[in-house]
Amino acid sequence: QLQLVESGGGLVQPGWSLRLSCASSGFTLDSYAIGWFCQSLGKVREGVSCIDTRSVLTYYTDSVRGRFTISRDNAKNTVYLQMNSLKSEDTAVYYCAATNRLYGSRWASGYGMDYWGKGTLVSVSS
């Protein structure tokens, strides 16, 4: 069974940090670009960050640039999203998704993503 599993979410206070992980089961991630997406209550899912297979290209949505960092360790078959200086508006369910072909900035809409995880909840509240 091919699947992605996210972990690392939780409840934190504003200004704190979290690191999300995305691991695969049934296939290896090294030939896939990975995107992180978020969806908060009542809102449309949006792309947060994306990384290509060799960590050469990374993309960030404007609201997280400078605070979040995406990285991957292909030896561990895991992609990470380091989230610093968290804000209440970052509260959402975060999903990772995999694609074997990255279509430039269209990744942010989920275009071309072949596999999706079930998500991990990040809550930022004082």
PDB file of N, CA and C in Angstrom:
ATOM      1  N   GLN A   1       0.845  -1.186   0.000  1.00  0.00           N
ATOM      2  CA  GLN A   1       0.000   0.000   0.000  1.00  0.00           C
ATOM      3  C   GLN A   1       0.880   1.236   0.000  1.00  0.00           C
ATOM      4  N   LEU A   2       0.630   2.139  -0.960  1.00  0.00           N
ATOM      5  CA  LEU A   2       1.431   3.344  -1.095  1.00  0.00           C
ATOM      6  C   LEU A   2       0.787   4.464  -0.299  1.00  0.00           C
ATOM      7  N   GLN A   3       1.524   5.024   0.652  1.00  0.00           N
ATOM      8  CA  GLN A   3       0.949   6.101   1.428  1.00  0.00           C
ATOM      9  C   GLN A   3       2.020   7.017   1.991  1.00  0.00           C
ATOM     10  N   LEU A   4       1.579   8.225   2.340  1.00  0.00           N
ATOM     11  CA  LEU A   4       2.407   9.198   3.025  1.00  0.00           C
ATOM     12  C   LEU A   4       1.858   9.390   4.426  1.00  0.00           C
ATOM     13  N   VAL A   5       2.745   9.569   5.375  1.00  0.00           N
ATOM     14  CA  VAL A   5       2.337   9.754   6.759  1.00  0.00           C
ATOM     15  C   VAL A   5       3.022  10.986   7.323  1.00  0.00           C
ATOM     16  N   GLU A   6       2.213  11.932   7.786  1.00  0.00           N
ATOM     17  CA  GLU A   6       2.743  13.126   8.421  1.00  0.00           C
ATOM     18  C   GLU A   6       2.797  12.946   9.935  1.00  0.00           C
ATOM     19  N   SER A   7       3.741  13.619  10.558  1.00  0.00           N
ATOM     20  CA  SER A   7       3.832  13.615  12.015  1.00  0.00           C
ATOM     21  C   SER A   7       4.471  14.917  12.474  1.00  0.00           C
ATOM     22  N   GLY A   8       4.360  15.181  13.783  1.00  0.00           N
ATOM     23  CA  GLY A   8       5.022  16.346  14.347  1.00  0.00           C
ATOM     24  C   GLY A   8       4.118  17.498  14.705  1.00  0.00           C
ATOM     25  N   GLY A   9       2.843  17.377  14.378  1.00  0.00           N
ATOM     26  CA  GLY A   9       1.929  18.448  14.730  1.00  0.00           C
ATOM     27  C   GLY A   9       1.662  18.497  16.230  1.00  0.00           C
ATOM     28  N   GLY A  10       1.015  19.558  16.668  1.00  0.00           N
ATOM     29  CA  GLY A  10       0.699  19.690  18.079  1.00  0.00           C
ATOM     30  C   GLY A  10       0.184  21.069  18.416  1.00  0.00           C
ATOM     31  N   LEU A  11       0.019  21.306  19.697  1.00  0.00           N
ATOM     32  CA  LEU A  11      -0.443  22.597  20.205  1.00  0.00           C
ATOM     33  C   LEU A  11       0.745  23.360  20.770  1.00  0.00           C
ATOM     34  N   VAL A  12       0.986  24.544  20.221  1.00  0.00           N
ATOM     35  CA  VAL A  12       2.098  25.372  20.684  1.00  0.00           C
ATOM     36  C   VAL A  12       1.625  26.812  20.845  1.00  0.00           C
ATOM     37  N   GLN A  13       2.440  27.592  21.530  1.00  0.00           N
ATOM     38  CA  GLN A  13       2.129  29.007  21.713  1.00  0.00           C
ATOM     39  C   GLN A  13       2.734  29.829  20.569  1.00  0.00           C
ATOM     40  N   PRO A  14       2.185  30.995  20.321  1.00  0.00           N
ATOM     41  CA  PRO A  14       2.772  31.874  19.297  1.00  0.00           C
ATOM     42  C   PRO A  14       4.251  32.123  19.556  1.00  0.00           C
ATOM     43  N   GLY A  15       5.031  32.069  18.480  1.00  0.00           N
ATOM     44  CA  GLY A  15       6.468  32.266  18.593  1.00  0.00           C
ATOM     45  C   GLY A  15       7.264  30.983  18.744  1.00  0.00           C
ATOM     46  N   TRP A  16       6.587  29.919  19.045  1.00  0.00           N
ATOM     47  CA  TRP A  16       7.273  28.642  19.211  1.00  0.00           C
ATOM     48  C   TRP A  16       7.541  27.999  17.850  1.00  0.00           C
ATOM     49  N   SER A  17       8.198  26.820  17.893  1.00  0.00           N
ATOM     50  CA  SER A  17       8.558  26.105  16.678  1.00  0.00           C
ATOM     51  C   SER A  17       8.020  24.679  16.700  1.00  0.00           C
ATOM     52  N   LEU A  18       7.840  24.145  15.508  1.00  0.00           N
ATOM     53  CA  LEU A  18       7.509  22.735  15.322  1.00  0.00           C
ATOM     54  C   LEU A  18       8.255  22.238  14.091  1.00  0.00           C
ATOM     55  N   ARG A  19       8.527  20.968  14.058  1.00  0.00           N
ATOM     56  CA  ARG A  19       9.069  20.354  12.855  1.00  0.00           C
ATOM     57  C   ARG A  19       8.149  19.217  12.426  1.00  0.00           C
ATOM     58  N   LEU A  20       7.592  19.355  11.256  1.00  0.00           N
ATOM     59  CA  LEU A  20       6.748  18.317  10.690  1.00  0.00           C
ATOM     60  C   LEU A  20       7.599  17.370   9.857  1.00  0.00           C
ATOM     61  N   SER A  21       7.196  16.112   9.852  1.00  0.00           N
ATOM     62  CA  SER A  21       7.875  15.102   9.046  1.00  0.00           C
ATOM     63  C   SER A  21       6.864  14.442   8.124  1.00  0.00           C
ATOM     64  N   CYS A  22       7.348  14.053   6.966  1.00  0.00           N
ATOM     65  CA  CYS A  22       6.540  13.338   5.980  1.00  0.00           C
ATOM     66  C   CYS A  22       7.340  12.119   5.550  1.00  0.00           C
ATOM     67  N   ALA A  23       6.815  10.947   5.840  1.00  0.00           N
ATOM     68  CA  ALA A  23       7.494   9.707   5.482  1.00  0.00           C
ATOM     69  C   ALA A  23       6.593   8.895   4.567  1.00  0.00           C
ATOM     70  N   SER A  24       7.208   8.037   3.779  1.00  0.00           N
ATOM     71  CA  SER A  24       6.428   7.235   2.842  1.00  0.00           C
ATOM     72  C   SER A  24       6.426   5.770   3.262  1.00  0.00           C
ATOM     73  N   SER A  25       5.412   5.102   2.807  1.00  0.00           N
ATOM     74  CA  SER A  25       5.289   3.668   3.026  1.00  0.00           C
ATOM     75  C   SER A  25       4.925   3.023   1.699  1.00  0.00           C
ATOM     76  N   GLY A  26       5.693   2.010   1.324  1.00  0.00           N
ATOM     77  CA  GLY A  26       5.380   1.319   0.080  1.00  0.00           C
ATOM     78  C   GLY A  26       6.118   1.854  -1.135  1.00  0.00           C
ATOM     79  N   PHE A  27       6.784   2.986  -1.001  1.00  0.00           N
ATOM     80  CA  PHE A  27       7.593   3.532  -2.081  1.00  0.00           C
ATOM     81  C   PHE A  27       8.622   4.481  -1.477  1.00  0.00           C
ATOM     82  N   THR A  28       9.631   4.806  -2.256  1.00  0.00           N
ATOM     83  CA  THR A  28      10.664   5.708  -1.759  1.00  0.00           C
ATOM     84  C   THR A  28      10.426   7.111  -2.293  1.00  0.00           C
ATOM     85  N   LEU A  29      10.808   8.086  -1.496  1.00  0.00           N
ATOM     86  CA  LEU A  29      10.526   9.474  -1.844  1.00  0.00           C
ATOM     87  C   LEU A  29      11.572  10.108  -2.742  1.00  0.00           C
ATOM     88  N   ASP A  30      12.695   9.445  -2.973  1.00  0.00           N
ATOM     89  CA  ASP A  30      13.809  10.130  -3.624  1.00  0.00           C
ATOM     90  C   ASP A  30      13.523  10.528  -5.074  1.00  0.00           C
ATOM     91  N   SER A  31      12.525   9.933  -5.693  1.00  0.00           N
ATOM     92  CA  SER A  31      12.203  10.309  -7.064  1.00  0.00           C
ATOM     93  C   SER A  31      10.958  11.197  -7.151  1.00  0.00           C
ATOM     94  N   TYR A  32      10.535  11.725  -6.007  1.00  0.00           N
ATOM     95  CA  TYR A  32       9.337  12.555  -5.953  1.00  0.00           C
ATOM     96  C   TYR A  32       9.642  13.927  -5.377  1.00  0.00           C
ATOM     97  N   ALA A  33       9.085  14.952  -6.000  1.00  0.00           N
ATOM     98  CA  ALA A  33       9.032  16.251  -5.352  1.00  0.00           C
ATOM     99  C   ALA A  33       7.934  16.196  -4.298  1.00  0.00           C
ATOM    100  N   ILE A  34       8.146  16.891  -3.206  1.00  0.00           N
ATOM    101  CA  ILE A  34       7.209  16.852  -2.092  1.00  0.00           C
ATOM    102  C   ILE A  34       6.695  18.250  -1.784  1.00  0.00           C
ATOM    103  N   GLY A  35       5.408  18.330  -1.617  1.00  0.00           N
ATOM    104  CA  GLY A  35       4.796  19.596  -1.236  1.00  0.00           C
ATOM    105  C   GLY A  35       4.128  19.488   0.121  1.00  0.00           C
ATOM    106  N   TRP A  36       4.139  20.599   0.830  1.00  0.00           N
ATOM    107  CA  TRP A  36       3.381  20.719   2.077  1.00  0.00           C
ATOM    108  C   TRP A  36       2.214  21.670   1.822  1.00  0.00           C
ATOM    109  N   PHE A  37       1.054  21.283   2.315  1.00  0.00           N
ATOM    110  CA  PHE A  37      -0.159  22.063   2.137  1.00  0.00           C
ATOM    111  C   PHE A  37      -0.834  22.233   3.486  1.00  0.00           C
ATOM    112  N   CYS A  38      -1.661  23.249   3.603  1.00  0.00           N
ATOM    113  CA  CYS A  38      -2.406  23.414   4.836  1.00  0.00           C
ATOM    114  C   CYS A  38      -3.860  23.759   4.513  1.00  0.00           C
ATOM    115  N   GLN A  39      -4.714  23.391   5.420  1.00  0.00           N
ATOM    116  CA  GLN A  39      -6.126  23.733   5.294  1.00  0.00           C
ATOM    117  C   GLN A  39      -6.673  24.047   6.674  1.00  0.00           C
ATOM    118  N   SER A  40      -7.124  25.265   6.841  1.00  0.00           N
ATOM    119  CA  SER A  40      -7.731  25.644   8.108  1.00  0.00           C
ATOM    120  C   SER A  40      -9.240  25.625   7.953  1.00  0.00           C
ATOM    121  N   LEU A  41      -9.928  25.666   9.064  1.00  0.00           N
ATOM    122  CA  LEU A  41     -11.377  25.489   9.078  1.00  0.00           C
ATOM    123  C   LEU A  41     -12.069  26.510   8.182  1.00  0.00           C
ATOM    124  N   GLY A  42     -12.848  26.015   7.255  1.00  0.00           N
ATOM    125  CA  GLY A  42     -13.615  26.884   6.390  1.00  0.00           C
ATOM    126  C   GLY A  42     -12.853  27.494   5.234  1.00  0.00           C
ATOM    127  N   LYS A  43     -11.598  27.107   5.088  1.00  0.00           N
ATOM    128  CA  LYS A  43     -10.785  27.683   4.021  1.00  0.00           C
ATOM    129  C   LYS A  43     -10.351  26.619   3.025  1.00  0.00           C
ATOM    130  N   VAL A  44      -9.955  27.095   1.869  1.00  0.00           N
ATOM    131  CA  VAL A  44      -9.467  26.214   0.820  1.00  0.00           C
ATOM    132  C   VAL A  44      -8.037  25.763   1.147  1.00  0.00           C
ATOM    133  N   ARG A  45      -7.728  24.544   0.789  1.00  0.00           N
ATOM    134  CA  ARG A  45      -6.361  24.063   0.956  1.00  0.00           C
ATOM    135  C   ARG A  45      -5.400  24.911   0.130  1.00  0.00           C
ATOM    136  N   GLU A  46      -4.248  25.211   0.704  1.00  0.00           N
ATOM    137  CA  GLU A  46      -3.266  26.009  -0.022  1.00  0.00           C
ATOM    138  C   GLU A  46      -1.868  25.431   0.128  1.00  0.00           C
ATOM    139  N   GLY A  47      -1.054  25.674  -0.873  1.00  0.00           N
ATOM    140  CA  GLY A  47       0.320  25.212  -0.823  1.00  0.00           C
ATOM    141  C   GLY A  47       1.148  26.055   0.121  1.00  0.00           C
ATOM    142  N   VAL A  48       1.992  25.409   0.903  1.00  0.00           N
ATOM    143  CA  VAL A  48       2.851  26.089   1.869  1.00  0.00           C
ATOM    144  C   VAL A  48       4.296  26.110   1.377  1.00  0.00           C
ATOM    145  N   SER A  49       4.777  24.940   0.975  1.00  0.00           N
ATOM    146  CA  SER A  49       6.167  24.837   0.557  1.00  0.00           C
ATOM    147  C   SER A  49       6.339  23.584  -0.288  1.00  0.00           C
ATOM    148  N   CYS A  50       7.385  23.594  -1.107  1.00  0.00           N
ATOM    149  CA  CYS A  50       7.629  22.456  -1.979  1.00  0.00           C
ATOM    150  C   CYS A  50       9.123  22.318  -2.202  1.00  0.00           C
ATOM    151  N   ILE A  51       9.574  21.084  -2.401  1.00  0.00           N
ATOM    152  CA  ILE A  51      10.994  20.834  -2.635  1.00  0.00           C
ATOM    153  C   ILE A  51      11.132  19.807  -3.743  1.00  0.00           C
ATOM    154  N   ASP A  52      12.113  20.005  -4.623  1.00  0.00           N
ATOM    155  CA  ASP A  52      12.303  19.041  -5.699  1.00  0.00           C
ATOM    156  C   ASP A  52      13.097  17.840  -5.194  1.00  0.00           C
ATOM    157  N   THR A  53      13.375  16.903  -6.094  1.00  0.00           N
ATOM    158  CA  THR A  53      13.970  15.629  -5.671  1.00  0.00           C
ATOM    159  C   THR A  53      15.382  15.779  -5.127  1.00  0.00           C
ATOM    160  N   ARG A  54      16.118  16.784  -5.625  1.00  0.00           N
ATOM    161  CA  ARG A  54      17.516  16.916  -5.236  1.00  0.00           C
ATOM    162  C   ARG A  54      17.773  18.098  -4.311  1.00  0.00           C
ATOM    163  N   SER A  55      16.690  18.670  -3.782  1.00  0.00           N
ATOM    164  CA  SER A  55      16.796  19.826  -2.873  1.00  0.00           C
ATOM    165  C   SER A  55      17.431  21.033  -3.546  1.00  0.00           C
ATOM    166  N   VAL A  56      17.310  21.114  -4.860  1.00  0.00           N
ATOM    167  CA  VAL A  56      17.848  22.269  -5.591  1.00  0.00           C
ATOM    168  C   VAL A  56      16.821  23.397  -5.622  1.00  0.00           C
ATOM    169  N   LEU A  57      15.572  23.030  -5.850  1.00  0.00           N
ATOM    170  CA  LEU A  57      14.500  24.015  -5.934  1.00  0.00           C
ATOM    171  C   LEU A  57      13.599  23.916  -4.711  1.00  0.00           C
ATOM    172  N   THR A  58      13.346  25.037  -4.090  1.00  0.00           N
ATOM    173  CA  THR A  58      12.373  25.097  -3.004  1.00  0.00           C
ATOM    174  C   THR A  58      11.434  26.265  -3.249  1.00  0.00           C
ATOM    175  N   TYR A  59      10.206  26.092  -2.859  1.00  0.00           N
ATOM    176  CA  TYR A  59       9.185  27.117  -3.026  1.00  0.00           C
ATOM    177  C   TYR A  59       8.511  27.353  -1.673  1.00  0.00           C
ATOM    178  N   TYR A  60       8.121  28.614  -1.443  1.00  0.00           N
ATOM    179  CA  TYR A  60       7.398  28.966  -0.229  1.00  0.00           C
ATOM    180  C   TYR A  60       6.301  29.957  -0.565  1.00  0.00           C
ATOM    181  N   THR A  61       5.179  29.806   0.089  1.00  0.00           N
ATOM    182  CA  THR A  61       4.165  30.830  -0.033  1.00  0.00           C
ATOM    183  C   THR A  61       4.625  32.057   0.756  1.00  0.00           C
ATOM    184  N   ASP A  62       4.153  33.221   0.358  1.00  0.00           N
ATOM    185  CA  ASP A  62       4.665  34.463   0.955  1.00  0.00           C
ATOM    186  C   ASP A  62       4.487  34.518   2.462  1.00  0.00           C
ATOM    187  N   SER A  63       3.411  33.956   2.962  1.00  0.00           N
ATOM    188  CA  SER A  63       3.100  34.083   4.389  1.00  0.00           C
ATOM    189  C   SER A  63       4.062  33.314   5.290  1.00  0.00           C
ATOM    190  N   VAL A  64       4.812  32.368   4.729  1.00  0.00           N
ATOM    191  CA  VAL A  64       5.721  31.568   5.557  1.00  0.00           C
ATOM    192  C   VAL A  64       7.187  31.771   5.207  1.00  0.00           C
ATOM    193  N   ARG A  65       7.447  32.475   4.100  1.00  0.00           N
ATOM    194  CA  ARG A  65       8.843  32.661   3.679  1.00  0.00           C
ATOM    195  C   ARG A  65       9.621  33.381   4.767  1.00  0.00           C
ATOM    196  N   GLY A  66      10.784  32.827   5.113  1.00  0.00           N
ATOM    197  CA  GLY A  66      11.602  33.389   6.179  1.00  0.00           C
ATOM    198  C   GLY A  66      11.322  32.774   7.541  1.00  0.00           C
ATOM    199  N   ARG A  67      10.213  32.087   7.669  1.00  0.00           N
ATOM    200  CA  ARG A  67       9.876  31.431   8.948  1.00  0.00           C
ATOM    201  C   ARG A  67       9.907  29.912   8.832  1.00  0.00           C
ATOM    202  N   PHE A  68       9.522  29.386   7.684  1.00  0.00           N
ATOM    203  CA  PHE A  68       9.480  27.941   7.477  1.00  0.00           C
ATOM    204  C   PHE A  68      10.629  27.526   6.555  1.00  0.00           C
ATOM    205  N   THR A  69      11.129  26.315   6.790  1.00  0.00           N
ATOM    206  CA  THR A  69      12.184  25.764   5.936  1.00  0.00           C
ATOM    207  C   THR A  69      11.844  24.323   5.602  1.00  0.00           C
ATOM    208  N   ILE A  70      11.843  24.029   4.311  1.00  0.00           N
ATOM    209  CA  ILE A  70      11.599  22.660   3.866  1.00  0.00           C
ATOM    210  C   ILE A  70      12.944  22.004   3.563  1.00  0.00           C
ATOM    211  N   SER A  71      13.044  20.726   3.883  1.00  0.00           N
ATOM    212  CA  SER A  71      14.272  19.989   3.613  1.00  0.00           C
ATOM    213  C   SER A  71      13.915  18.520   3.452  1.00  0.00           C
ATOM    214  N   ARG A  72      14.866  17.764   2.964  1.00  0.00           N
ATOM    215  CA  ARG A  72      14.615  16.335   2.800  1.00  0.00           C
ATOM    216  C   ARG A  72      15.878  15.560   3.085  1.00  0.00           C
ATOM    217  N   ASP A  73      15.677  14.352   3.570  1.00  0.00           N
ATOM    218  CA  ASP A  73      16.765  13.418   3.790  1.00  0.00           C
ATOM    219  C   ASP A  73      16.366  12.144   3.059  1.00  0.00           C
ATOM    220  N   ASN A  74      16.843  11.997   1.848  1.00  0.00           N
ATOM    221  CA  ASN A  74      16.441  10.842   1.046  1.00  0.00           C
ATOM    222  C   ASN A  74      16.931   9.531   1.648  1.00  0.00           C
ATOM    223  N   ALA A  75      18.027   9.585   2.384  1.00  0.00           N
ATOM    224  CA  ALA A  75      18.522   8.365   3.031  1.00  0.00           C
ATOM    225  C   ALA A  75      17.534   7.880   4.093  1.00  0.00           C
ATOM    226  N   LYS A  76      16.827   8.823   4.698  1.00  0.00           N
ATOM    227  CA  LYS A  76      15.827   8.467   5.721  1.00  0.00           C
ATOM    228  C   LYS A  76      14.422   8.439   5.143  1.00  0.00           C
ATOM    229  N   ASN A  77      14.332   8.720   3.820  1.00  0.00           N
ATOM    230  CA  ASN A  77      13.025   8.665   3.163  1.00  0.00           C
ATOM    231  C   ASN A  77      12.023   9.605   3.831  1.00  0.00           C
ATOM    232  N   THR A  78      12.491  10.791   4.184  1.00  0.00           N
ATOM    233  CA  THR A  78      11.667  11.726   4.951  1.00  0.00           C
ATOM    234  C   THR A  78      11.878  13.156   4.452  1.00  0.00           C
ATOM    235  N   VAL A  79      10.798  13.899   4.429  1.00  0.00           N
ATOM    236  CA  VAL A  79      10.838  15.329   4.126  1.00  0.00           C
ATOM    237  C   VAL A  79      10.354  16.072   5.364  1.00  0.00           C
ATOM    238  N   TYR A  80      10.992  17.196   5.654  1.00  0.00           N
ATOM    239  CA  TYR A  80      10.691  17.949   6.855  1.00  0.00           C
ATOM    240  C   TYR A  80      10.176  19.344   6.516  1.00  0.00           C
ATOM    241  N   LEU A  81       9.387  19.877   7.436  1.00  0.00           N
ATOM    242  CA  LEU A  81       9.005  21.282   7.370  1.00  0.00           C
ATOM    243  C   LEU A  81       9.278  21.882   8.741  1.00  0.00           C
ATOM    244  N   GLN A  82      10.352  22.637   8.841  1.00  0.00           N
ATOM    245  CA  GLN A  82      10.687  23.327  10.083  1.00  0.00           C
ATOM    246  C   GLN A  82       9.897  24.622  10.136  1.00  0.00           C
ATOM    247  N   MET A  83       9.104  24.763  11.155  1.00  0.00           N
ATOM    248  CA  MET A  83       8.193  25.902  11.292  1.00  0.00           C
ATOM    249  C   MET A  83       8.619  26.719  12.509  1.00  0.00           C
ATOM    250  N   ASN A  84       9.139  27.895  12.270  1.00  0.00           N
ATOM    251  CA  ASN A  84       9.582  28.781  13.351  1.00  0.00           C
ATOM    252  C   ASN A  84       8.664  29.993  13.447  1.00  0.00           C
ATOM    253  N   SER A  85       8.746  30.664  14.584  1.00  0.00           N
ATOM    254  CA  SER A  85       7.967  31.886  14.805  1.00  0.00           C
ATOM    255  C   SER A  85       6.504  31.687  14.425  1.00  0.00           C
ATOM    256  N   LEU A  86       5.934  30.627  14.935  1.00  0.00           N
ATOM    257  CA  LEU A  86       4.562  30.288  14.570  1.00  0.00           C
ATOM    258  C   LEU A  86       3.576  31.361  15.016  1.00  0.00           C
ATOM    259  N   LYS A  87       2.563  31.559  14.200  1.00  0.00           N
ATOM    260  CA  LYS A  87       1.523  32.538  14.460  1.00  0.00           C
ATOM    261  C   LYS A  87       0.171  31.825  14.555  1.00  0.00           C
ATOM    262  N   SER A  88      -0.779  32.490  15.141  1.00  0.00           N
ATOM    263  CA  SER A  88      -2.100  31.875  15.284  1.00  0.00           C
ATOM    264  C   SER A  88      -2.700  31.545  13.918  1.00  0.00           C
ATOM    265  N   GLU A  89      -2.378  32.361  12.929  1.00  0.00           N
ATOM    266  CA  GLU A  89      -2.929  32.113  11.589  1.00  0.00           C
ATOM    267  C   GLU A  89      -2.287  30.916  10.890  1.00  0.00           C
ATOM    268  N   ASP A  90      -1.254  30.336  11.482  1.00  0.00           N
ATOM    269  CA  ASP A  90      -0.677  29.100  10.940  1.00  0.00           C
ATOM    270  C   ASP A  90      -1.472  27.873  11.361  1.00  0.00           C
ATOM    271  N   THR A  91      -2.424  28.058  12.254  1.00  0.00           N
ATOM    272  CA  THR A  91      -3.244  26.939  12.708  1.00  0.00           C
ATOM    273  C   THR A  91      -3.974  26.304  11.545  1.00  0.00           C
ATOM    274  N   ALA A  92      -3.766  25.001  11.350  1.00  0.00           N
ATOM    275  CA  ALA A  92      -4.357  24.285  10.220  1.00  0.00           C
ATOM    276  C   ALA A  92      -3.977  22.816  10.306  1.00  0.00           C
ATOM    277  N   VAL A  93      -4.622  22.022   9.475  1.00  0.00           N
ATOM    278  CA  VAL A  93      -4.147  20.663   9.223  1.00  0.00           C
ATOM    279  C   VAL A  93      -3.135  20.746   8.091  1.00  0.00           C
ATOM    280  N   TYR A  94      -1.987  20.158   8.308  1.00  0.00           N
ATOM    281  CA  TYR A  94      -0.907  20.182   7.320  1.00  0.00           C
ATOM    282  C   TYR A  94      -0.777  18.806   6.665  1.00  0.00           C
ATOM    283  N   TYR A  95      -0.741  18.830   5.346  1.00  0.00           N
ATOM    284  CA  TYR A  95      -0.648  17.614   4.552  1.00  0.00           C
ATOM    285  C   TYR A  95       0.639  17.644   3.729  1.00  0.00           C
ATOM    286  N   CYS A  96       1.213  16.485   3.506  1.00  0.00           N
ATOM    287  CA  CYS A  96       2.273  16.400   2.506  1.00  0.00           C
ATOM    288  C   CYS A  96       1.748  15.607   1.314  1.00  0.00           C
ATOM    289  N   ALA A  97       2.315  15.893   0.171  1.00  0.00           N
ATOM    290  CA  ALA A  97       1.914  15.241  -1.063  1.00  0.00           C
ATOM    291  C   ALA A  97       3.142  15.042  -1.940  1.00  0.00           C
ATOM    292  N   ALA A  98       3.080  14.034  -2.799  1.00  0.00           N
ATOM    293  CA  ALA A  98       4.221  13.675  -3.637  1.00  0.00           C
ATOM    294  C   ALA A  98       3.842  13.685  -5.109  1.00  0.00           C
ATOM    295  N   THR A  99       4.751  14.182  -5.925  1.00  0.00           N
ATOM    296  CA  THR A  99       4.572  14.156  -7.360  1.00  0.00           C
ATOM    297  C   THR A  99       5.866  13.742  -8.032  1.00  0.00           C
ATOM    298  N   ASN A 100       5.759  12.968  -9.107  1.00  0.00           N
ATOM    299  CA  ASN A 100       6.981  12.603  -9.817  1.00  0.00           C
ATOM    300  C   ASN A 100       7.276  13.567 -10.960  1.00  0.00           C
ATOM    301  N   ARG A 101       6.475  14.633 -11.077  1.00  0.00           N
ATOM    302  CA  ARG A 101       6.763  15.673 -12.048  1.00  0.00           C
ATOM    303  C   ARG A 101       6.275  17.000 -11.502  1.00  0.00           C
ATOM    304  N   LEU A 102       7.189  17.920 -11.331  1.00  0.00           N
ATOM    305  CA  LEU A 102       6.873  19.219 -10.762  1.00  0.00           C
ATOM    306  C   LEU A 102       6.582  20.215 -11.894  1.00  0.00           C
ATOM    307  N   TYR A 103       5.382  20.806 -11.857  1.00  0.00           N
ATOM    308  CA  TYR A 103       4.970  21.737 -12.902  1.00  0.00           C
ATOM    309  C   TYR A 103       5.125  23.174 -12.425  1.00  0.00           C
ATOM    310  N   GLY A 104       6.344  23.542 -12.062  1.00  0.00           N
ATOM    311  CA  GLY A 104       6.607  24.909 -11.639  1.00  0.00           C
ATOM    312  C   GLY A 104       5.718  25.307 -10.481  1.00  0.00           C
ATOM    313  N   SER A 105       5.194  26.525 -10.542  1.00  0.00           N
ATOM    314  CA  SER A 105       4.424  27.074  -9.428  1.00  0.00           C
ATOM    315  C   SER A 105       3.042  26.447  -9.296  1.00  0.00           C
ATOM    316  N   ARG A 106       2.647  25.620 -10.255  1.00  0.00           N
ATOM    317  CA  ARG A 106       1.311  25.020 -10.170  1.00  0.00           C
ATOM    318  C   ARG A 106       1.195  24.010  -9.044  1.00  0.00           C
ATOM    319  N   TRP A 107       2.348  23.649  -8.434  1.00  0.00           N
ATOM    320  CA  TRP A 107       2.287  22.705  -7.326  1.00  0.00           C
ATOM    321  C   TRP A 107       1.371  23.232  -6.224  1.00  0.00           C
ATOM    322  N   ALA A 108       1.331  24.551  -6.044  1.00  0.00           N
ATOM    323  CA  ALA A 108       0.624  25.151  -4.911  1.00  0.00           C
ATOM    324  C   ALA A 108      -0.874  24.848  -4.932  1.00  0.00           C
ATOM    325  N   SER A 109      -1.398  24.555  -6.103  1.00  0.00           N
ATOM    326  CA  SER A 109      -2.816  24.205  -6.205  1.00  0.00           C
ATOM    327  C   SER A 109      -3.029  22.718  -6.008  1.00  0.00           C
ATOM    328  N   GLY A 110      -1.939  21.980  -5.832  1.00  0.00           N
ATOM    329  CA  GLY A 110      -2.032  20.530  -5.730  1.00  0.00           C
ATOM    330  C   GLY A 110      -1.929  19.835  -7.068  1.00  0.00           C
ATOM    331  N   TYR A 111      -1.714  20.630  -8.129  1.00  0.00           N
ATOM    332  CA  TYR A 111      -1.662  20.082  -9.483  1.00  0.00           C
ATOM    333  C   TYR A 111      -0.539  19.046  -9.608  1.00  0.00           C
ATOM    334  N   GLY A 112      -0.891  17.878 -10.127  1.00  0.00           N
ATOM    335  CA  GLY A 112       0.108  16.848 -10.385  1.00  0.00           C
ATOM    336  C   GLY A 112       0.491  15.993  -9.200  1.00  0.00           C
ATOM    337  N   MET A 113      -0.049  16.285  -8.025  1.00  0.00           N
ATOM    338  CA  MET A 113       0.315  15.496  -6.844  1.00  0.00           C
ATOM    339  C   MET A 113      -0.343  14.122  -6.932  1.00  0.00           C
ATOM    340  N   ASP A 114       0.477  13.093  -6.792  1.00  0.00           N
ATOM    341  CA  ASP A 114      -0.011  11.730  -6.979  1.00  0.00           C
ATOM    342  C   ASP A 114      -0.467  11.068  -5.681  1.00  0.00           C
ATOM    343  N   TYR A 115       0.221  11.391  -4.593  1.00  0.00           N
ATOM    344  CA  TYR A 115      -0.081  10.767  -3.307  1.00  0.00           C
ATOM    345  C   TYR A 115      -0.228  11.846  -2.247  1.00  0.00           C
ATOM    346  N   TRP A 116      -1.148  11.630  -1.331  1.00  0.00           N
ATOM    347  CA  TRP A 116      -1.422  12.559  -0.238  1.00  0.00           C
ATOM    348  C   TRP A 116      -1.435  11.820   1.087  1.00  0.00           C
ATOM    349  N   GLY A 117      -0.943  12.498   2.125  1.00  0.00           N
ATOM    350  CA  GLY A 117      -1.081  11.979   3.464  1.00  0.00           C
ATOM    351  C   GLY A 117      -2.423  12.384   4.056  1.00  0.00           C
ATOM    352  N   LYS A 118      -2.683  11.938   5.273  1.00  0.00           N
ATOM    353  CA  LYS A 118      -3.957  12.231   5.927  1.00  0.00           C
ATOM    354  C   LYS A 118      -3.899  13.478   6.794  1.00  0.00           C
ATOM    355  N   GLY A 119      -2.703  14.018   6.976  1.00  0.00           N
ATOM    356  CA  GLY A 119      -2.576  15.289   7.666  1.00  0.00           C
ATOM    357  C   GLY A 119      -2.206  15.186   9.131  1.00  0.00           C
ATOM    358  N   THR A 120      -1.632  16.279   9.618  1.00  0.00           N
ATOM    359  CA  THR A 120      -1.319  16.421  11.042  1.00  0.00           C
ATOM    360  C   THR A 120      -1.747  17.821  11.466  1.00  0.00           C
ATOM    361  N   LEU A 121      -2.357  17.934  12.636  1.00  0.00           N
ATOM    362  CA  LEU A 121      -2.934  19.201  13.079  1.00  0.00           C
ATOM    363  C   LEU A 121      -1.894  20.048  13.798  1.00  0.00           C
ATOM    364  N   VAL A 122      -1.787  21.287  13.373  1.00  0.00           N
ATOM    365  CA  VAL A 122      -0.949  22.280  14.048  1.00  0.00           C
ATOM    366  C   VAL A 122      -1.871  23.349  14.615  1.00  0.00           C
ATOM    367  N   SER A 123      -1.811  23.530  15.918  1.00  0.00           N
ATOM    368  CA  SER A 123      -2.613  24.550  16.590  1.00  0.00           C
ATOM    369  C   SER A 123      -1.697  25.530  17.297  1.00  0.00           C
ATOM    370  N   VAL A 124      -1.857  26.802  16.986  1.00  0.00           N
ATOM    371  CA  VAL A 124      -1.021  27.839  17.597  1.00  0.00           C
ATOM    372  C   VAL A 124      -1.944  28.759  18.380  1.00  0.00           C
ATOM    373  N   SER A 125      -1.795  28.727  19.688  1.00  0.00           N
ATOM    374  CA  SER A 125      -2.700  29.491  20.543  1.00  0.00           C
ATOM    375  C   SER A 125      -2.031  29.788  21.873  1.00  0.00           C
ATOM    376  N   SER A 126      -2.341  30.956  22.418  1.00  0.00           N
ATOM    377  CA  SER A 126      -1.832  31.301  23.730  1.00  0.00           C
ATOM    378  C   SER A 126      -2.808  30.902  24.825  1.00  0.00           C
TER     379      SER A 126
END
